[in-house]
Amino acid sequence: MDTTRPLPARELPLPGESLASLLRRTSNAMGYENVGRLLALLPDRASIPSNVDHWLSGTAVDSLSYLLRTPPEALRKLTLHRYASALVFSNDGHLRPEVCDRKTILRYFATTSRICPRCLHQDST
């Protein structure tokens, strides 16, 4: 029987905030020493990417949305995939991609950011 319940202390996402930042603030609000303790509450932790900003969907996002009482789609908008429509080209030019592919992630979202997300938001191109 699953005894997991939503967290009693939850932070609301701030405009432009990343999922990693939201989890850091929530962990702090819960009095946890680090985010790892919060992520340990998720089932099947071994099968999810280590960088939370790369998460797409699935068990981890669904479980996290339950813990934070936030819809999964709202959490996905906090990941780097919110920039997919600006960075990923579609084959036919009509469909707007909803997720960043692996090459885009490696090119634009390295461990040290080469492009400022604030600059991407201000650029109309």
N, C-alpha and C. Protein backbone atom coordinates (compact mmCIF):
# COMPACT_ATOMS: atom_id res chain seq x y z
N MET A 1 0.84 -1.19 0.00
CA MET A 1 0.00 0.00 0.00
C MET A 1 0.88 1.24 0.00
N ASP A 2 0.59 2.19 -0.87
CA ASP A 2 1.35 3.42 -0.98
C ASP A 2 0.90 4.40 0.09
N THR A 3 1.84 4.87 0.91
CA THR A 3 1.51 5.80 1.98
C THR A 3 1.99 7.21 1.69
N THR A 4 2.42 7.47 0.46
CA THR A 4 2.92 8.79 0.10
C THR A 4 1.77 9.79 0.12
N ARG A 5 2.04 10.95 0.72
CA ARG A 5 1.05 12.03 0.77
C ARG A 5 1.69 13.31 0.23
N PRO A 6 0.87 14.25 -0.21
CA PRO A 6 1.44 15.53 -0.65
C PRO A 6 2.25 16.18 0.46
N LEU A 7 3.26 16.92 0.07
CA LEU A 7 4.11 17.59 1.05
C LEU A 7 3.33 18.67 1.79
N PRO A 8 3.54 18.79 3.09
CA PRO A 8 2.83 19.84 3.83
C PRO A 8 3.36 21.24 3.52
N ALA A 9 4.63 21.33 3.18
CA ALA A 9 5.22 22.64 2.83
C ALA A 9 5.58 22.60 1.35
N ARG A 10 4.89 23.40 0.56
CA ARG A 10 5.13 23.43 -0.88
C ARG A 10 5.31 24.87 -1.31
N GLU A 11 6.28 25.08 -2.17
CA GLU A 11 6.50 26.40 -2.74
C GLU A 11 5.78 26.50 -4.09
N LEU A 12 5.34 27.67 -4.44
CA LEU A 12 4.72 27.90 -5.74
C LEU A 12 5.81 28.28 -6.74
N PRO A 13 5.69 27.82 -7.99
CA PRO A 13 6.69 28.18 -9.00
C PRO A 13 6.71 29.69 -9.24
N LEU A 14 7.90 30.24 -9.36
CA LEU A 14 8.07 31.65 -9.68
C LEU A 14 8.20 31.81 -11.19
N PRO A 15 7.84 32.96 -11.74
CA PRO A 15 7.96 33.16 -13.20
C PRO A 15 9.40 32.94 -13.67
N GLY A 16 9.55 32.10 -14.70
CA GLY A 16 10.87 31.84 -15.27
C GLY A 16 11.74 30.89 -14.47
N GLU A 17 11.22 30.35 -13.39
CA GLU A 17 12.00 29.47 -12.52
C GLU A 17 12.17 28.09 -13.14
N SER A 18 13.29 27.46 -12.84
CA SER A 18 13.51 26.09 -13.31
C SER A 18 12.95 25.11 -12.29
N LEU A 19 12.75 23.88 -12.73
CA LEU A 19 12.26 22.83 -11.84
C LEU A 19 13.28 22.58 -10.72
N ALA A 20 14.56 22.61 -11.06
CA ALA A 20 15.60 22.40 -10.04
C ALA A 20 15.51 23.46 -8.94
N SER A 21 15.27 24.71 -9.32
CA SER A 21 15.15 25.78 -8.34
C SER A 21 13.91 25.59 -7.46
N LEU A 22 12.79 25.22 -8.08
CA LEU A 22 11.57 24.98 -7.31
C LEU A 22 11.80 23.85 -6.30
N LEU A 23 12.47 22.79 -6.71
CA LEU A 23 12.73 21.68 -5.80
C LEU A 23 13.68 22.09 -4.67
N ARG A 24 14.67 22.93 -4.97
CA ARG A 24 15.57 23.44 -3.92
C ARG A 24 14.79 24.25 -2.89
N ARG A 25 13.91 25.13 -3.37
CA ARG A 25 13.13 25.96 -2.45
C ARG A 25 12.16 25.11 -1.64
N THR A 26 11.54 24.11 -2.28
CA THR A 26 10.62 23.24 -1.56
C THR A 26 11.36 22.41 -0.52
N SER A 27 12.52 21.90 -0.87
CA SER A 27 13.33 21.13 0.09
C SER A 27 13.69 21.99 1.29
N ASN A 28 14.04 23.23 1.02
CA ASN A 28 14.36 24.17 2.10
C ASN A 28 13.14 24.42 2.98
N ALA A 29 11.97 24.59 2.36
CA ALA A 29 10.74 24.83 3.12
C ALA A 29 10.38 23.62 3.99
N MET A 30 10.71 22.43 3.52
CA MET A 30 10.44 21.21 4.27
C MET A 30 11.47 20.97 5.38
N GLY A 31 12.56 21.73 5.35
CA GLY A 31 13.60 21.54 6.34
C GLY A 31 14.57 20.42 5.99
N TYR A 32 14.54 19.97 4.73
CA TYR A 32 15.46 18.94 4.27
C TYR A 32 16.84 19.55 4.05
N GLU A 33 17.88 18.75 4.27
CA GLU A 33 19.24 19.25 4.09
C GLU A 33 19.62 19.39 2.62
N ASN A 34 18.94 18.66 1.72
CA ASN A 34 19.20 18.80 0.28
C ASN A 34 18.02 18.24 -0.51
N VAL A 35 18.06 18.43 -1.82
CA VAL A 35 16.99 18.00 -2.71
C VAL A 35 16.91 16.47 -2.78
N GLY A 36 18.02 15.81 -2.55
CA GLY A 36 18.05 14.35 -2.62
C GLY A 36 17.03 13.70 -1.69
N ARG A 37 16.82 14.30 -0.56
CA ARG A 37 15.84 13.75 0.38
C ARG A 37 14.42 13.84 -0.17
N LEU A 38 14.12 14.94 -0.85
CA LEU A 38 12.80 15.09 -1.48
C LEU A 38 12.66 14.11 -2.64
N LEU A 39 13.70 13.97 -3.47
CA LEU A 39 13.65 13.07 -4.61
C LEU A 39 13.58 11.60 -4.18
N ALA A 40 14.06 11.31 -2.99
CA ALA A 40 14.01 9.94 -2.47
C ALA A 40 12.57 9.49 -2.23
N LEU A 41 11.64 10.42 -2.15
CA LEU A 41 10.22 10.08 -1.98
C LEU A 41 9.59 9.56 -3.26
N LEU A 42 10.27 9.75 -4.40
CA LEU A 42 9.72 9.34 -5.69
C LEU A 42 9.98 7.86 -5.93
N PRO A 43 8.99 7.14 -6.46
CA PRO A 43 9.22 5.73 -6.78
C PRO A 43 10.10 5.58 -8.02
N ASP A 44 10.81 4.48 -8.11
CA ASP A 44 11.64 4.15 -9.27
C ASP A 44 12.62 5.26 -9.60
N ARG A 45 13.27 5.81 -8.61
CA ARG A 45 14.22 6.92 -8.77
C ARG A 45 15.39 6.56 -9.68
N ALA A 46 15.77 5.29 -9.71
CA ALA A 46 16.94 4.87 -10.50
C ALA A 46 16.74 5.03 -12.00
N SER A 47 15.50 5.04 -12.47
CA SER A 47 15.25 5.07 -13.92
C SER A 47 15.00 6.46 -14.48
N ILE A 48 15.16 7.51 -13.69
CA ILE A 48 14.88 8.86 -14.17
C ILE A 48 16.19 9.64 -14.33
N PRO A 49 16.23 10.63 -15.25
CA PRO A 49 17.45 11.41 -15.46
C PRO A 49 17.88 12.12 -14.18
N SER A 50 19.19 12.26 -14.01
CA SER A 50 19.70 12.90 -12.80
C SER A 50 19.42 14.41 -12.79
N ASN A 51 19.37 15.02 -13.96
CA ASN A 51 19.08 16.45 -14.05
C ASN A 51 17.56 16.64 -14.15
N VAL A 52 16.95 17.17 -13.12
CA VAL A 52 15.49 17.30 -13.11
C VAL A 52 14.98 18.23 -14.21
N ASP A 53 15.81 19.13 -14.70
CA ASP A 53 15.38 20.03 -15.75
C ASP A 53 15.28 19.33 -17.11
N HIS A 54 15.68 18.06 -17.19
CA HIS A 54 15.55 17.28 -18.42
C HIS A 54 14.33 16.38 -18.40
N TRP A 55 13.64 16.30 -17.28
CA TRP A 55 12.49 15.40 -17.15
C TRP A 55 11.40 15.76 -18.14
N LEU A 56 10.75 14.74 -18.68
CA LEU A 56 9.65 14.94 -19.62
C LEU A 56 8.31 14.59 -19.01
N SER A 57 8.14 13.32 -18.77
CA SER A 57 6.89 12.84 -18.22
C SER A 57 7.14 11.47 -17.63
N GLY A 58 6.11 10.85 -17.16
CA GLY A 58 6.26 9.51 -16.61
C GLY A 58 6.05 9.48 -15.12
N THR A 59 6.47 8.38 -14.53
CA THR A 59 6.24 8.14 -13.12
C THR A 59 6.83 9.23 -12.24
N ALA A 60 8.06 9.67 -12.52
CA ALA A 60 8.70 10.68 -11.67
C ALA A 60 7.93 11.99 -11.68
N VAL A 61 7.56 12.46 -12.85
CA VAL A 61 6.83 13.73 -12.95
C VAL A 61 5.45 13.60 -12.33
N ASP A 62 4.78 12.48 -12.58
CA ASP A 62 3.45 12.27 -11.99
C ASP A 62 3.53 12.23 -10.46
N SER A 63 4.52 11.53 -9.94
CA SER A 63 4.69 11.45 -8.48
C SER A 63 5.05 12.80 -7.90
N LEU A 64 5.94 13.53 -8.59
CA LEU A 64 6.33 14.85 -8.12
C LEU A 64 5.15 15.81 -8.17
N SER A 65 4.33 15.71 -9.20
CA SER A 65 3.17 16.61 -9.28
C SER A 65 2.20 16.32 -8.14
N TYR A 66 2.10 15.06 -7.74
CA TYR A 66 1.25 14.71 -6.61
C TYR A 66 1.83 15.28 -5.31
N LEU A 67 3.14 15.13 -5.12
CA LEU A 67 3.77 15.65 -3.90
C LEU A 67 3.62 17.17 -3.78
N LEU A 68 3.75 17.86 -4.92
CA LEU A 68 3.71 19.32 -4.92
C LEU A 68 2.31 19.89 -5.17
N ARG A 69 1.35 18.99 -5.45
CA ARG A 69 -0.01 19.41 -5.82
C ARG A 69 0.01 20.43 -6.94
N THR A 70 0.77 20.07 -7.97
CA THR A 70 0.93 20.90 -9.16
C THR A 70 0.72 20.01 -10.38
N PRO A 71 -0.04 20.43 -11.37
CA PRO A 71 -0.27 19.58 -12.54
C PRO A 71 1.06 19.22 -13.25
N PRO A 72 1.15 18.00 -13.80
CA PRO A 72 2.38 17.60 -14.50
C PRO A 72 2.76 18.57 -15.62
N GLU A 73 1.79 19.10 -16.34
CA GLU A 73 2.08 20.04 -17.42
C GLU A 73 2.74 21.31 -16.89
N ALA A 74 2.33 21.76 -15.73
CA ALA A 74 2.95 22.94 -15.12
C ALA A 74 4.41 22.66 -14.74
N LEU A 75 4.68 21.44 -14.30
CA LEU A 75 6.06 21.07 -13.97
C LEU A 75 6.91 20.98 -15.23
N ARG A 76 6.33 20.44 -16.32
CA ARG A 76 7.09 20.33 -17.56
C ARG A 76 7.48 21.71 -18.09
N LYS A 77 6.63 22.70 -17.84
CA LYS A 77 6.95 24.06 -18.28
C LYS A 77 8.11 24.67 -17.50
N LEU A 78 8.51 24.03 -16.42
CA LEU A 78 9.66 24.50 -15.64
C LEU A 78 10.96 23.87 -16.11
N THR A 79 10.86 22.88 -17.00
CA THR A 79 12.07 22.21 -17.51
C THR A 79 12.59 22.94 -18.74
N LEU A 80 13.71 22.49 -19.24
CA LEU A 80 14.29 23.13 -20.43
C LEU A 80 13.43 22.91 -21.67
N HIS A 81 12.48 22.00 -21.62
CA HIS A 81 11.62 21.72 -22.77
C HIS A 81 10.68 22.88 -23.09
N ARG A 82 10.57 23.84 -22.20
CA ARG A 82 9.73 25.02 -22.50
C ARG A 82 10.32 25.82 -23.65
N TYR A 83 11.61 25.62 -23.97
CA TYR A 83 12.28 26.34 -25.05
C TYR A 83 12.27 25.57 -26.37
N ALA A 84 11.63 24.40 -26.40
CA ALA A 84 11.67 23.54 -27.59
C ALA A 84 11.16 24.25 -28.83
N SER A 85 10.08 24.98 -28.71
CA SER A 85 9.52 25.63 -29.91
C SER A 85 10.45 26.69 -30.49
N ALA A 86 11.34 27.23 -29.68
CA ALA A 86 12.29 28.24 -30.16
C ALA A 86 13.60 27.63 -30.65
N LEU A 87 13.93 26.42 -30.20
CA LEU A 87 15.24 25.86 -30.49
C LEU A 87 15.25 24.64 -31.40
N VAL A 88 14.17 23.89 -31.43
CA VAL A 88 14.15 22.63 -32.18
C VAL A 88 13.39 22.85 -33.48
N PHE A 89 14.04 22.46 -34.60
CA PHE A 89 13.40 22.58 -35.91
C PHE A 89 12.56 21.34 -36.18
N SER A 90 11.42 21.54 -36.76
CA SER A 90 10.60 20.39 -37.14
C SER A 90 10.90 20.05 -38.60
N ASN A 91 10.64 18.81 -38.97
CA ASN A 91 10.93 18.36 -40.33
C ASN A 91 10.06 19.05 -41.37
N ASP A 92 8.80 19.25 -41.07
CA ASP A 92 7.91 19.84 -42.06
C ASP A 92 7.75 21.36 -41.89
N GLY A 93 8.29 21.91 -40.83
CA GLY A 93 8.23 23.34 -40.62
C GLY A 93 6.91 23.86 -40.08
N HIS A 94 5.92 23.00 -39.93
CA HIS A 94 4.61 23.44 -39.46
C HIS A 94 4.37 23.09 -38.00
N LEU A 95 4.72 21.88 -37.62
CA LEU A 95 4.50 21.46 -36.24
C LEU A 95 5.52 22.09 -35.32
N ARG A 96 5.07 22.57 -34.20
CA ARG A 96 5.98 23.16 -33.21
C ARG A 96 6.36 22.07 -32.22
N PRO A 97 7.64 21.73 -32.14
CA PRO A 97 8.07 20.68 -31.22
C PRO A 97 7.78 21.05 -29.77
N GLU A 98 7.44 20.05 -28.97
CA GLU A 98 7.14 20.28 -27.57
C GLU A 98 8.26 19.85 -26.65
N VAL A 99 9.22 19.11 -27.17
CA VAL A 99 10.34 18.65 -26.35
C VAL A 99 11.65 18.88 -27.09
N CYS A 100 12.69 19.11 -26.33
CA CYS A 100 14.03 19.26 -26.89
C CYS A 100 14.62 17.88 -27.13
N ASP A 101 15.21 17.69 -28.29
CA ASP A 101 15.88 16.43 -28.55
C ASP A 101 17.26 16.43 -27.88
N ARG A 102 17.92 15.30 -27.91
CA ARG A 102 19.20 15.14 -27.21
C ARG A 102 20.27 16.12 -27.73
N LYS A 103 20.33 16.32 -29.06
CA LYS A 103 21.32 17.23 -29.64
C LYS A 103 21.09 18.67 -29.17
N THR A 104 19.85 19.08 -29.11
CA THR A 104 19.54 20.44 -28.65
C THR A 104 19.93 20.61 -27.19
N ILE A 105 19.64 19.60 -26.39
CA ILE A 105 20.01 19.68 -24.97
C ILE A 105 21.52 19.81 -24.82
N LEU A 106 22.27 19.00 -25.56
CA LEU A 106 23.73 19.06 -25.47
C LEU A 106 24.28 20.38 -25.98
N ARG A 107 23.67 20.93 -27.00
CA ARG A 107 24.17 22.18 -27.59
C ARG A 107 23.87 23.41 -26.75
N TYR A 108 22.64 23.51 -26.26
CA TYR A 108 22.21 24.74 -25.59
C TYR A 108 22.14 24.66 -24.07
N PHE A 109 22.11 23.45 -23.52
CA PHE A 109 21.92 23.33 -22.09
C PHE A 109 23.03 22.49 -21.46
N ALA A 110 24.25 22.94 -21.62
CA ALA A 110 25.39 22.28 -21.01
C ALA A 110 25.36 22.54 -19.51
N THR A 111 26.28 21.91 -18.78
CA THR A 111 26.30 22.12 -17.33
C THR A 111 26.59 23.58 -17.00
N THR A 112 27.36 24.25 -17.84
CA THR A 112 27.54 25.69 -17.68
C THR A 112 26.80 26.34 -18.85
N SER A 113 25.82 27.14 -18.54
CA SER A 113 24.95 27.70 -19.57
C SER A 113 25.72 28.60 -20.52
N ARG A 114 25.53 28.35 -21.83
CA ARG A 114 26.15 29.19 -22.85
C ARG A 114 25.19 30.25 -23.35
N ILE A 115 23.91 30.03 -23.12
CA ILE A 115 22.88 30.98 -23.53
C ILE A 115 22.02 31.31 -22.33
N CYS A 116 21.83 32.55 -22.10
CA CYS A 116 21.03 33.00 -20.96
C CYS A 116 19.54 32.79 -21.26
N PRO A 117 18.83 32.05 -20.41
CA PRO A 117 17.39 31.85 -20.64
C PRO A 117 16.61 33.16 -20.71
N ARG A 118 17.05 34.16 -19.97
CA ARG A 118 16.38 35.46 -20.02
C ARG A 118 16.55 36.09 -21.40
N CYS A 119 17.73 35.91 -22.00
CA CYS A 119 17.96 36.43 -23.34
C CYS A 119 17.08 35.70 -24.36
N LEU A 120 16.91 34.40 -24.20
CA LEU A 120 16.05 33.62 -25.11
C LEU A 120 14.62 34.13 -25.03
N HIS A 121 14.19 34.45 -23.86
CA HIS A 121 12.81 34.91 -23.68
C HIS A 121 12.59 36.27 -24.35
N GLN A 122 13.61 37.13 -24.36
CA GLN A 122 13.48 38.47 -24.92
C GLN A 122 13.65 38.49 -26.43
N ASP A 123 14.27 37.46 -26.98
CA ASP A 123 14.55 37.44 -28.41
C ASP A 123 13.33 36.95 -29.19
N SER A 124 12.91 37.69 -30.19
CA SER A 124 11.73 37.31 -30.95
C SER A 124 12.06 36.34 -32.08
N THR A 125 13.33 36.11 -32.37
CA THR A 125 13.72 35.23 -33.48
C THR A 125 13.57 33.78 -33.13
